[in-house]
All heavy atoms as atom14 arrays in JSON, in Angstrom:
{
  "sequence": "PGQPLRLRSDPTQLVSVGLSQNIEGKSKRAANDTSSV",
  "atom14_mask": [
    [1, 1, 1, 1, 1, 1, 1, 0, 0, 0, 0, 0, 0, 0],
    [1, 1, 1, 1, 0, 0, 0, 0, 0, 0, 0, 0, 0, 0],
    [1, 1, 1, 1, 1, 1, 1, 1, 1, 0, 0, 0, 0, 0],
    [1, 1, 1, 1, 1, 1, 1, 0, 0, 0, 0, 0, 0, 0],
    [1, 1, 1, 1, 1, 1, 1, 1, 0, 0, 0, 0, 0, 0],
    [1, 1, 1, 1, 1, 1, 1, 1, 1, 1, 1, 0, 0, 0],
    [1, 1, 1, 1, 1, 1, 1, 1, 0, 0, 0, 0, 0, 0],
    [1, 1, 1, 1, 1, 1, 1, 1, 1, 1, 1, 0, 0, 0],
    [1, 1, 1, 1, 1, 1, 0, 0, 0, 0, 0, 0, 0, 0],
    [1, 1, 1, 1, 1, 1, 1, 1, 0, 0, 0, 0, 0, 0],
    [1, 1, 1, 1, 1, 1, 1, 0, 0, 0, 0, 0, 0, 0],
    [1, 1, 1, 1, 1, 1, 1, 0, 0, 0, 0, 0, 0, 0],
    [1, 1, 1, 1, 1, 1, 1, 1, 1, 0, 0, 0, 0, 0],
    [1, 1, 1, 1, 1, 1, 1, 1, 0, 0, 0, 0, 0, 0],
    [1, 1, 1, 1, 1, 1, 1, 0, 0, 0, 0, 0, 0, 0],
    [1, 1, 1, 1, 1, 1, 0, 0, 0, 0, 0, 0, 0, 0],
    [1, 1, 1, 1, 1, 1, 1, 0, 0, 0, 0, 0, 0, 0],
    [1, 1, 1, 1, 0, 0, 0, 0, 0, 0, 0, 0, 0, 0],
    [1, 1, 1, 1, 1, 1, 1, 1, 0, 0, 0, 0, 0, 0],
    [1, 1, 1, 1, 1, 1, 0, 0, 0, 0, 0, 0, 0, 0],
    [1, 1, 1, 1, 1, 1, 1, 1, 1, 0, 0, 0, 0, 0],
    [1, 1, 1, 1, 1, 1, 1, 1, 0, 0, 0, 0, 0, 0],
    [1, 1, 1, 1, 1, 1, 1, 1, 0, 0, 0, 0, 0, 0],
    [1, 1, 1, 1, 1, 1, 1, 1, 1, 0, 0, 0, 0, 0],
    [1, 1, 1, 1, 0, 0, 0, 0, 0, 0, 0, 0, 0, 0],
    [1, 1, 1, 1, 1, 1, 1, 1, 1, 0, 0, 0, 0, 0],
    [1, 1, 1, 1, 1, 1, 0, 0, 0, 0, 0, 0, 0, 0],
    [1, 1, 1, 1, 1, 1, 1, 1, 1, 0, 0, 0, 0, 0],
    [1, 1, 1, 1, 1, 1, 1, 1, 1, 1, 1, 0, 0, 0],
    [1, 1, 1, 1, 1, 0, 0, 0, 0, 0, 0, 0, 0, 0],
    [1, 1, 1, 1, 1, 0, 0, 0, 0, 0, 0, 0, 0, 0],
    [1, 1, 1, 1, 1, 1, 1, 1, 0, 0, 0, 0, 0, 0],
    [1, 1, 1, 1, 1, 1, 1, 1, 0, 0, 0, 0, 0, 0],
    [1, 1, 1, 1, 1, 1, 1, 0, 0, 0, 0, 0, 0, 0],
    [1, 1, 1, 1, 1, 1, 0, 0, 0, 0, 0, 0, 0, 0],
    [1, 1, 1, 1, 1, 1, 0, 0, 0, 0, 0, 0, 0, 0],
    [1, 1, 1, 1, 1, 1, 1, 0, 0, 0, 0, 0, 0, 0]
  ],
  "atom14_positions": [
    [[-53.21, 4.94, 25.12], [-53.78, 4.07, 26.16], [-52.8, 2.96, 26.55], [-52.19, 2.32, 25.7], [-55.03, 3.49, 25.48], [-55.39, 4.5, 24.44], [-54.09, 5.06, 23.96], [0.0, 0.0, 0.0], [0.0, 0.0, 0.0], [0.0, 0.0, 0.0], [0.0, 0.0, 0.0], [0.0, 0.0, 0.0], [0.0, 0.0, 0.0], [0.0, 0.0, 0.0]],
    [[-52.66, 2.76, 27.85], [-51.8, 1.69, 28.34], [-50.34, 2.02, 28.43], [-49.55, 1.18, 28.88], [0.0, 0.0, 0.0], [0.0, 0.0, 0.0], [0.0, 0.0, 0.0], [0.0, 0.0, 0.0], [0.0, 0.0, 0.0], [0.0, 0.0, 0.0], [0.0, 0.0, 0.0], [0.0, 0.0, 0.0], [0.0, 0.0, 0.0], [0.0, 0.0, 0.0]],
    [[-49.93, 3.23, 28.0], [-48.53, 3.6, 28.05], [-48.26, 4.52, 29.25], [-49.1, 5.34, 29.61], [-48.11, 4.32, 26.76], [-48.08, 3.44, 25.54], [-47.51, 4.16, 24.33], [-47.29, 5.37, 24.37], [-47.27, 3.42, 23.27], [0.0, 0.0, 0.0], [0.0, 0.0, 0.0], [0.0, 0.0, 0.0], [0.0, 0.0, 0.0], [0.0, 0.0, 0.0]],
    [[-47.07, 4.37, 29.88], [-46.73, 5.25, 31.01], [-46.45, 6.67, 30.53], [-46.11, 6.9, 29.37], [-45.47, 4.59, 31.59], [-44.86, 3.85, 30.43], [-46.01, 3.38, 29.6], [0.0, 0.0, 0.0], [0.0, 0.0, 0.0], [0.0, 0.0, 0.0], [0.0, 0.0, 0.0], [0.0, 0.0, 0.0], [0.0, 0.0, 0.0], [0.0, 0.0, 0.0]],
    [[-46.6, 7.61, 31.44], [-46.33, 9.01, 31.1], [-44.83, 9.23, 30.93], [-44.03, 8.71, 31.7], [-46.88, 9.93, 32.19], [-48.38, 9.88, 32.43], [-48.78, 10.91, 33.49], [-49.16, 10.13, 31.14], [0.0, 0.0, 0.0], [0.0, 0.0, 0.0], [0.0, 0.0, 0.0], [0.0, 0.0, 0.0], [0.0, 0.0, 0.0], [0.0, 0.0, 0.0]],
    [[-44.48, 10.0, 29.93], [-43.08, 10.36, 29.68], [-42.88, 11.79, 30.15], [-43.37, 12.73, 29.53], [-42.76, 10.21, 28.19], [-41.32, 10.44, 27.82], [-41.06, 9.94, 26.4], [-39.72, 10.26, 25.95], [-39.42, 11.28, 25.16], [-40.39, 12.07, 24.72], [-38.18, 11.52, 24.8], [0.0, 0.0, 0.0], [0.0, 0.0, 0.0], [0.0, 0.0, 0.0]],
    [[-42.14, 11.96, 31.25], [-42.0, 13.26, 31.9], [-40.64, 13.9, 31.67], [-40.36, 14.94, 32.27], [-42.24, 13.11, 33.41], [-43.62, 12.54, 33.8], [-43.72, 12.38, 35.3], [-44.74, 13.43, 33.27], [0.0, 0.0, 0.0], [0.0, 0.0, 0.0], [0.0, 0.0, 0.0], [0.0, 0.0, 0.0], [0.0, 0.0, 0.0], [0.0, 0.0, 0.0]],
    [[-39.81, 13.31, 30.82], [-38.5, 13.89, 30.56], [-38.11, 13.63, 29.11], [-38.33, 12.54, 28.58], [-37.43, 13.29, 31.49], [-36.03, 13.87, 31.29], [-35.06, 13.23, 32.26], [-33.73, 13.8, 32.16], [-32.79, 13.35, 31.32], [-33.06, 12.34, 30.51], [-31.59, 13.92, 31.29], [0.0, 0.0, 0.0], [0.0, 0.0, 0.0], [0.0, 0.0, 0.0]],
    [[-37.57, 14.64, 28.49], [-37.07, 14.52, 27.13], [-35.55, 14.42, 27.18], [-34.88, 15.28, 27.76], [-37.49, 15.73, 26.29], [-37.09, 15.57, 24.94], [0.0, 0.0, 0.0], [0.0, 0.0, 0.0], [0.0, 0.0, 0.0], [0.0, 0.0, 0.0], [0.0, 0.0, 0.0], [0.0, 0.0, 0.0], [0.0, 0.0, 0.0], [0.0, 0.0, 0.0]],
    [[-35.01, 13.35, 26.62], [-33.57, 13.11, 26.68], [-32.81, 14.11, 25.81], [-33.34, 14.61, 24.81], [-33.24, 11.69, 26.22], [-33.83, 10.63, 27.14], [-33.93, 10.92, 28.35], [-34.18, 9.54, 26.66], [0.0, 0.0, 0.0], [0.0, 0.0, 0.0], [0.0, 0.0, 0.0], [0.0, 0.0, 0.0], [0.0, 0.0, 0.0], [0.0, 0.0, 0.0]],
    [[-31.56, 14.4, 26.17], [-30.75, 15.28, 25.31], [-30.38, 14.56, 24.02], [-30.34, 13.31, 23.95], [-29.51, 15.56, 26.17], [-29.41, 14.37, 27.08], [-30.82, 13.96, 27.36], [0.0, 0.0, 0.0], [0.0, 0.0, 0.0], [0.0, 0.0, 0.0], [0.0, 0.0, 0.0], [0.0, 0.0, 0.0], [0.0, 0.0, 0.0], [0.0, 0.0, 0.0]],
    [[-30.1, 15.32, 23.0], [-29.66, 14.76, 21.71], [-28.45, 15.53, 21.22], [-28.37, 16.75, 21.37], [-30.78, 14.84, 20.66], [-31.13, 16.22, 20.44], [-32.01, 14.08, 21.09], [0.0, 0.0, 0.0], [0.0, 0.0, 0.0], [0.0, 0.0, 0.0], [0.0, 0.0, 0.0], [0.0, 0.0, 0.0], [0.0, 0.0, 0.0], [0.0, 0.0, 0.0]],
    [[-27.5, 14.8, 20.68], [-26.34, 15.39, 20.02], [-26.11, 14.56, 18.76], [-25.47, 13.52, 18.79], [-25.11, 15.38, 20.91], [-23.93, 16.11, 20.31], [-22.75, 16.21, 21.23], [-21.75, 16.82, 20.87], [-22.81, 15.62, 22.43], [0.0, 0.0, 0.0], [0.0, 0.0, 0.0], [0.0, 0.0, 0.0], [0.0, 0.0, 0.0], [0.0, 0.0, 0.0]],
    [[-26.67, 15.03, 17.68], [-26.8, 14.24, 16.46], [-25.85, 14.75, 15.39], [-25.75, 15.96, 15.15], [-28.24, 14.32, 15.96], [-28.7, 13.32, 14.9], [-28.69, 11.91, 15.46], [-30.09, 13.69, 14.41], [0.0, 0.0, 0.0], [0.0, 0.0, 0.0], [0.0, 0.0, 0.0], [0.0, 0.0, 0.0], [0.0, 0.0, 0.0], [0.0, 0.0, 0.0]],
    [[-25.17, 13.81, 14.75], [-24.32, 14.1, 13.6], [-24.86, 13.34, 12.4], [-25.14, 12.13, 12.49], [-22.85, 13.71, 13.86], [-22.03, 13.87, 12.58], [-22.26, 14.58, 14.95], [0.0, 0.0, 0.0], [0.0, 0.0, 0.0], [0.0, 0.0, 0.0], [0.0, 0.0, 0.0], [0.0, 0.0, 0.0], [0.0, 0.0, 0.0], [0.0, 0.0, 0.0]],
    [[-25.06, 14.03, 11.3], [-25.58, 13.44, 10.07], [-24.62, 13.73, 8.93], [-24.14, 14.86, 8.77], [-26.97, 14.02, 9.76], [-27.44, 13.59, 8.5], [0.0, 0.0, 0.0], [0.0, 0.0, 0.0], [0.0, 0.0, 0.0], [0.0, 0.0, 0.0], [0.0, 0.0, 0.0], [0.0, 0.0, 0.0], [0.0, 0.0, 0.0], [0.0, 0.0, 0.0]],
    [[-24.32, 12.69, 8.14], [-23.39, 12.82, 7.02], [-24.05, 12.26, 5.77], [-24.41, 11.07, 5.73], [-22.06, 12.09, 7.29], [-21.12, 12.26, 6.1], [-21.41, 12.61, 8.56], [0.0, 0.0, 0.0], [0.0, 0.0, 0.0], [0.0, 0.0, 0.0], [0.0, 0.0, 0.0], [0.0, 0.0, 0.0], [0.0, 0.0, 0.0], [0.0, 0.0, 0.0]],
    [[-24.23, 13.09, 4.76], [-24.71, 12.68, 3.45], [-23.64, 12.96, 2.41], [-22.65, 13.64, 2.68], [0.0, 0.0, 0.0], [0.0, 0.0, 0.0], [0.0, 0.0, 0.0], [0.0, 0.0, 0.0], [0.0, 0.0, 0.0], [0.0, 0.0, 0.0], [0.0, 0.0, 0.0], [0.0, 0.0, 0.0], [0.0, 0.0, 0.0], [0.0, 0.0, 0.0]],
    [[-23.82, 12.45, 1.21], [-22.76, 12.55, 0.2], [-23.37, 12.66, -1.19], [-24.34, 11.97, -1.52], [-21.85, 11.33, 0.27], [-20.66, 11.29, -0.7], [-19.73, 12.47, -0.45], [-19.91, 9.97, -0.56], [0.0, 0.0, 0.0], [0.0, 0.0, 0.0], [0.0, 0.0, 0.0], [0.0, 0.0, 0.0], [0.0, 0.0, 0.0], [0.0, 0.0, 0.0]],
    [[-22.77, 13.55, -1.97], [-23.13, 13.71, -3.38], [-21.86, 13.67, -4.21], [-20.9, 14.41, -3.92], [-23.89, 15.02, -3.6], [-24.14, 15.23, -4.98], [0.0, 0.0, 0.0], [0.0, 0.0, 0.0], [0.0, 0.0, 0.0], [0.0, 0.0, 0.0], [0.0, 0.0, 0.0], [0.0, 0.0, 0.0], [0.0, 0.0, 0.0], [0.0, 0.0, 0.0]],
    [[-21.83, 12.82, -5.23], [-20.65, 12.68, -6.08], [-21.05, 12.83, -7.54], [-22.11, 12.34, -7.96], [-19.99, 11.31, -5.87], [-19.51, 11.05, -4.47], [-18.81, 9.7, -4.36], [-17.68, 9.51, -4.81], [-19.5, 8.74, -3.76], [0.0, 0.0, 0.0], [0.0, 0.0, 0.0], [0.0, 0.0, 0.0], [0.0, 0.0, 0.0], [0.0, 0.0, 0.0]],
    [[-20.17, 13.46, -8.3], [-20.37, 13.6, -9.74], [-19.05, 13.33, -10.44], [-18.02, 13.96, -10.13], [-20.88, 15.0, -10.1], [-22.38, 15.12, -9.96], [-23.13, 14.36, -10.55], [-22.81, 16.07, -9.14], [0.0, 0.0, 0.0], [0.0, 0.0, 0.0], [0.0, 0.0, 0.0], [0.0, 0.0, 0.0], [0.0, 0.0, 0.0], [0.0, 0.0, 0.0]],
    [[-19.05, 12.39, -11.36], [-17.89, 12.11, -12.21], [-18.23, 12.63, -13.6], [-19.12, 12.11, -14.27], [-17.57, 10.6, -12.25], [-17.32, 10.09, -10.82], [-16.38, 10.33, -13.13], [-17.09, 8.59, -10.75], [0.0, 0.0, 0.0], [0.0, 0.0, 0.0], [0.0, 0.0, 0.0], [0.0, 0.0, 0.0], [0.0, 0.0, 0.0], [0.0, 0.0, 0.0]],
    [[-17.53, 13.69, -14.01], [-17.84, 14.38, -15.26], [-16.7, 14.24, -16.26], [-15.52, 14.14, -15.87], [-18.11, 15.86, -14.99], [-19.26, 16.09, -14.03], [-19.33, 17.51, -13.53], [-18.36, 17.97, -12.91], [-20.36, 18.17, -13.77], [0.0, 0.0, 0.0], [0.0, 0.0, 0.0], [0.0, 0.0, 0.0], [0.0, 0.0, 0.0], [0.0, 0.0, 0.0]],
    [[-17.06, 14.22, -17.51], [-16.08, 14.1, -18.58], [-16.1, 15.29, -19.52], [-17.14, 15.94, -19.69], [0.0, 0.0, 0.0], [0.0, 0.0, 0.0], [0.0, 0.0, 0.0], [0.0, 0.0, 0.0], [0.0, 0.0, 0.0], [0.0, 0.0, 0.0], [0.0, 0.0, 0.0], [0.0, 0.0, 0.0], [0.0, 0.0, 0.0], [0.0, 0.0, 0.0]],
    [[-14.95, 15.56, -20.1], [-14.83, 16.63, -21.1], [-14.35, 15.98, -22.39], [-13.28, 15.36, -22.43], [-13.84, 17.69, -20.62], [-13.57, 18.79, -21.61], [-12.54, 19.77, -21.04], [-12.18, 20.85, -22.04], [-11.15, 21.77, -21.52], [0.0, 0.0, 0.0], [0.0, 0.0, 0.0], [0.0, 0.0, 0.0], [0.0, 0.0, 0.0], [0.0, 0.0, 0.0]],
    [[-15.16, 16.09, -23.45], [-14.83, 15.43, -24.71], [-13.68, 16.15, -25.42], [-13.43, 17.34, -25.2], [-16.05, 15.38, -25.62], [-16.5, 16.69, -25.91], [0.0, 0.0, 0.0], [0.0, 0.0, 0.0], [0.0, 0.0, 0.0], [0.0, 0.0, 0.0], [0.0, 0.0, 0.0], [0.0, 0.0, 0.0], [0.0, 0.0, 0.0], [0.0, 0.0, 0.0]],
    [[-12.97, 15.42, -26.26], [-11.87, 16.0, -27.02], [-12.41, 16.9, -28.13], [-13.5, 16.7, -28.65], [-11.03, 14.88, -27.64], [-10.28, 14.04, -26.63], [-9.44, 12.98, -27.33], [-8.64, 12.16, -26.31], [-7.83, 11.11, -26.96], [0.0, 0.0, 0.0], [0.0, 0.0, 0.0], [0.0, 0.0, 0.0], [0.0, 0.0, 0.0], [0.0, 0.0, 0.0]],
    [[-11.64, 17.9, -28.47], [-12.02, 18.82, -29.53], [-11.89, 18.13, -30.88], [-11.04, 17.29, -31.1], [-11.16, 20.08, -29.5], [-11.23, 20.82, -28.18], [-10.39, 22.07, -28.18], [-10.91, 23.08, -29.1], [-10.46, 24.32, -29.15], [-9.46, 24.71, -28.34], [-10.97, 25.18, -29.99], [0.0, 0.0, 0.0], [0.0, 0.0, 0.0], [0.0, 0.0, 0.0]],
    [[-12.8, 18.5, -31.77], [-12.76, 17.93, -33.1], [-11.48, 18.37, -33.82], [-10.92, 19.44, -33.57], [-13.98, 18.36, -33.9], [0.0, 0.0, 0.0], [0.0, 0.0, 0.0], [0.0, 0.0, 0.0], [0.0, 0.0, 0.0], [0.0, 0.0, 0.0], [0.0, 0.0, 0.0], [0.0, 0.0, 0.0], [0.0, 0.0, 0.0], [0.0, 0.0, 0.0]],
    [[-11.01, 17.52, -34.72], [-9.76, 17.81, -35.43], [-9.88, 19.07, -36.29], [-8.9, 19.78, -36.5], [-9.37, 16.61, -36.28], [0.0, 0.0, 0.0], [0.0, 0.0, 0.0], [0.0, 0.0, 0.0], [0.0, 0.0, 0.0], [0.0, 0.0, 0.0], [0.0, 0.0, 0.0], [0.0, 0.0, 0.0], [0.0, 0.0, 0.0], [0.0, 0.0, 0.0]],
    [[-11.09, 19.36, -36.8], [-11.28, 20.54, -37.67], [-11.77, 21.75, -36.9], [-12.21, 22.73, -37.49], [-12.26, 20.2, -38.78], [-13.61, 19.77, -38.25], [-13.75, 19.53, -37.06], [-14.6, 19.64, -39.14], [0.0, 0.0, 0.0], [0.0, 0.0, 0.0], [0.0, 0.0, 0.0], [0.0, 0.0, 0.0], [0.0, 0.0, 0.0], [0.0, 0.0, 0.0]],
    [[-11.74, 21.7, -35.56], [-12.18, 22.82, -34.74], [-10.99, 23.73, -34.47], [-10.08, 23.41, -33.71], [-12.76, 22.3, -33.42], [-13.41, 23.42, -32.61], [-13.3, 24.6, -33.02], [-14.02, 23.12, -31.58], [0.0, 0.0, 0.0], [0.0, 0.0, 0.0], [0.0, 0.0, 0.0], [0.0, 0.0, 0.0], [0.0, 0.0, 0.0], [0.0, 0.0, 0.0]],
    [[-10.96, 24.9, -35.15], [-9.84, 25.84, -35.03], [-10.22, 27.1, -34.27], [-9.46, 28.07, -34.27], [-9.35, 26.23, -36.43], [-10.42, 26.84, -37.15], [-8.85, 25.01, -37.19], [0.0, 0.0, 0.0], [0.0, 0.0, 0.0], [0.0, 0.0, 0.0], [0.0, 0.0, 0.0], [0.0, 0.0, 0.0], [0.0, 0.0, 0.0], [0.0, 0.0, 0.0]],
    [[-11.39, 27.1, -33.61], [-11.83, 28.29, -32.89], [-10.99, 28.46, -31.63], [-10.44, 27.51, -31.08], [-13.32, 28.18, -32.54], [-13.53, 27.11, -31.65], [0.0, 0.0, 0.0], [0.0, 0.0, 0.0], [0.0, 0.0, 0.0], [0.0, 0.0, 0.0], [0.0, 0.0, 0.0], [0.0, 0.0, 0.0], [0.0, 0.0, 0.0], [0.0, 0.0, 0.0]],
    [[-10.91, 29.71, -31.18], [-10.15, 30.01, -29.96], [-10.95, 29.72, -28.7], [-10.4, 29.69, -27.61], [-9.73, 31.49, -29.96], [-10.87, 32.33, -30.04], [0.0, 0.0, 0.0], [0.0, 0.0, 0.0], [0.0, 0.0, 0.0], [0.0, 0.0, 0.0], [0.0, 0.0, 0.0], [0.0, 0.0, 0.0], [0.0, 0.0, 0.0], [0.0, 0.0, 0.0]],
    [[-12.26, 29.54, -28.85], [-13.12, 29.25, -27.71], [-13.21, 27.74, -27.49], [-13.34, 26.98, -28.45], [-14.54, 29.84, -27.93], [-15.43, 29.55, -26.74], [-14.44, 31.34, -28.18], [0.0, 0.0, 0.0], [0.0, 0.0, 0.0], [0.0, 0.0, 0.0], [0.0, 0.0, 0.0], [0.0, 0.0, 0.0], [0.0, 0.0, 0.0], [0.0, 0.0, 0.0]]
  ]
}
């Protein structure tokens, strides 16, 4: 109510940028670990 009629839909050209980051660590092998794996 009270709003003018909208008779045209404007064009859109949208760019969206999101980001995901992970900083991961690898622990040192134990001194007594002699396995090949």
